[in-house]
Amino acid sequence: MTATSALTNATIPPIQNFKRDFSQLMTVSMKGDSMSPKIKPGDGVVIDTTLTLPTPEGLFALRVMGELDIVRLQWKPALKKLMIIRENPTYKTFVVDPSAICIVGRVIGIMRYE
């Protein structure tokens, strides 16, 4: 089976089964290499602004000094703090008080244009 025939024969769910309110989604273009290789500069990132609770661990958009930043957040219950992790190992991981950051939403998709 060719890729074209496999795609043609694929079952695509109807759009009404998409259970997100499109008005609560935003897309941004990734700038910088802090999340490489998972998210590369220029990749599109889809963010659900209704999902602002940082559990379970995942990728989130934060507002930092008026700019959006994409990071991995991990809750540390013993510390009652959040760990901010970058995928690129050249960036440091650090711990912050949850009240010190503004979580815009959870990353629910990445679009790569090649």
Protein backbone atom coordinates (compact mmCIF):
# COMPACT_ATOMS: atom_id res chain seq x y z
CA MET A 1 0.00 0.00 0.00
CA THR A 2 1.38 3.40 -0.90
CA ALA A 3 1.39 6.37 1.43
CA THR A 4 -1.23 8.04 -0.76
CA SER A 5 -3.62 5.09 -0.67
CA ALA A 6 -3.10 4.66 3.08
CA LEU A 7 -4.00 8.31 3.58
CA THR A 8 -6.99 8.00 1.27
CA ASN A 9 -8.25 4.96 3.18
CA ALA A 10 -7.70 6.54 6.61
CA THR A 11 -10.71 7.21 8.79
CA ILE A 12 -10.80 10.83 9.81
CA PRO A 13 -13.09 11.64 12.74
CA PRO A 14 -15.74 14.28 12.07
CA ILE A 15 -14.94 17.79 13.28
CA GLN A 16 -17.88 17.74 15.72
CA ASN A 17 -15.96 15.11 17.76
CA PHE A 18 -13.23 17.67 18.49
CA LYS A 19 -14.01 18.48 22.12
CA ARG A 20 -12.29 21.84 22.46
CA ASP A 21 -13.72 25.32 22.19
CA PHE A 22 -11.70 26.89 19.38
CA SER A 23 -12.09 30.32 20.99
CA GLN A 24 -9.99 29.04 23.92
CA LEU A 25 -7.07 27.98 21.70
CA MET A 26 -4.16 30.11 20.61
CA THR A 27 -1.21 29.46 18.35
CA VAL A 28 2.25 30.92 18.58
CA SER A 29 5.46 30.47 16.65
CA MET A 30 8.35 29.14 18.72
CA LYS A 31 11.26 31.52 19.02
CA GLY A 32 14.67 30.41 20.25
CA ASP A 33 16.11 26.98 20.90
CA SER A 34 15.26 26.48 24.58
CA MET A 35 12.84 23.64 23.80
CA SER A 36 14.87 21.99 21.01
CA PRO A 37 14.79 19.30 19.82
CA LYS A 38 11.14 18.74 20.87
CA ILE A 39 10.01 22.17 19.64
CA LYS A 40 12.25 23.85 17.10
CA PRO A 41 12.45 27.55 16.23
CA GLY A 42 9.62 28.35 13.81
CA ASP A 43 7.39 25.45 14.90
CA GLY A 44 3.78 26.35 15.57
CA VAL A 45 2.57 25.65 19.10
CA VAL A 46 -1.14 25.18 19.91
CA ILE A 47 -2.10 26.22 23.44
CA ASP A 48 -5.36 25.49 25.28
CA THR A 49 -5.89 28.50 27.56
CA THR A 50 -8.44 26.64 29.70
CA LEU A 51 -5.78 24.22 30.97
CA THR A 52 -3.69 26.23 33.44
CA LEU A 53 -3.27 23.71 36.27
CA PRO A 54 0.34 22.46 36.08
CA THR A 55 -0.53 18.84 36.84
CA PRO A 56 0.13 16.44 35.33
CA GLU A 57 3.59 17.46 34.19
CA GLY A 58 3.66 18.83 30.68
CA LEU A 59 4.48 21.64 28.30
CA PHE A 60 2.97 25.01 29.14
CA ALA A 61 3.01 28.59 27.90
CA LEU A 62 4.03 31.13 30.55
CA ARG A 63 3.83 34.90 30.40
CA VAL A 64 7.23 36.31 31.36
CA MET A 65 7.74 40.09 31.24
CA GLY A 66 5.03 40.47 28.60
CA GLU A 67 6.38 37.67 26.39
CA LEU A 68 5.19 34.08 25.99
CA ASP A 69 7.65 31.35 26.91
CA ILE A 70 7.15 27.61 26.32
CA VAL A 71 8.52 25.38 29.10
CA ARG A 72 8.02 22.02 30.76
CA LEU A 73 6.45 22.37 34.23
CA GLN A 74 6.79 19.75 36.93
CA TRP A 75 5.04 20.10 40.30
CA LYS A 76 7.20 19.27 43.34
CA PRO A 77 4.64 18.62 46.11
CA ALA A 78 7.22 18.25 48.90
CA LEU A 79 8.55 21.73 48.08
CA LYS A 80 5.19 23.20 47.02
CA LYS A 81 7.10 24.63 44.06
CA LEU A 82 7.20 24.27 40.29
CA MET A 83 10.25 23.10 38.41
CA ILE A 84 10.78 24.89 35.09
CA ILE A 85 12.57 22.62 32.64
CA ARG A 86 13.90 23.37 29.16
CA GLU A 87 14.31 20.51 26.69
CA ASN A 88 17.64 21.94 25.54
CA PRO A 89 20.24 20.84 28.13
CA THR A 90 22.26 24.06 27.70
CA TYR A 91 19.50 25.87 29.63
CA LYS A 92 19.32 25.58 33.41
CA THR A 93 16.40 24.02 35.26
CA PHE A 94 15.10 26.04 38.18
CA VAL A 95 12.40 25.99 40.86
CA VAL A 96 9.85 28.78 41.41
CA ASP A 97 6.91 29.53 43.64
CA PRO A 98 3.67 29.05 41.63
CA SER A 99 2.55 32.56 42.56
CA ALA A 100 5.62 33.97 40.77
CA ILE A 101 4.52 32.85 37.31
CA CYS A 102 1.51 33.29 35.03
CA ILE A 103 0.47 30.07 33.25
CA VAL A 104 -1.29 30.96 30.00
CA GLY A 105 -2.20 27.38 29.06
CA ARG A 106 -1.10 23.84 28.25
CA VAL A 107 0.55 22.97 24.93
CA ILE A 108 -1.76 20.53 23.13
CA GLY A 109 -0.08 20.43 19.74
CA ILE A 110 3.07 21.19 17.79
CA MET A 111 3.06 21.96 14.05
CA ARG A 112 6.30 21.54 12.18
CA TYR A 113 6.73 22.85 8.67
CA GLU A 114 9.46 21.06 6.73
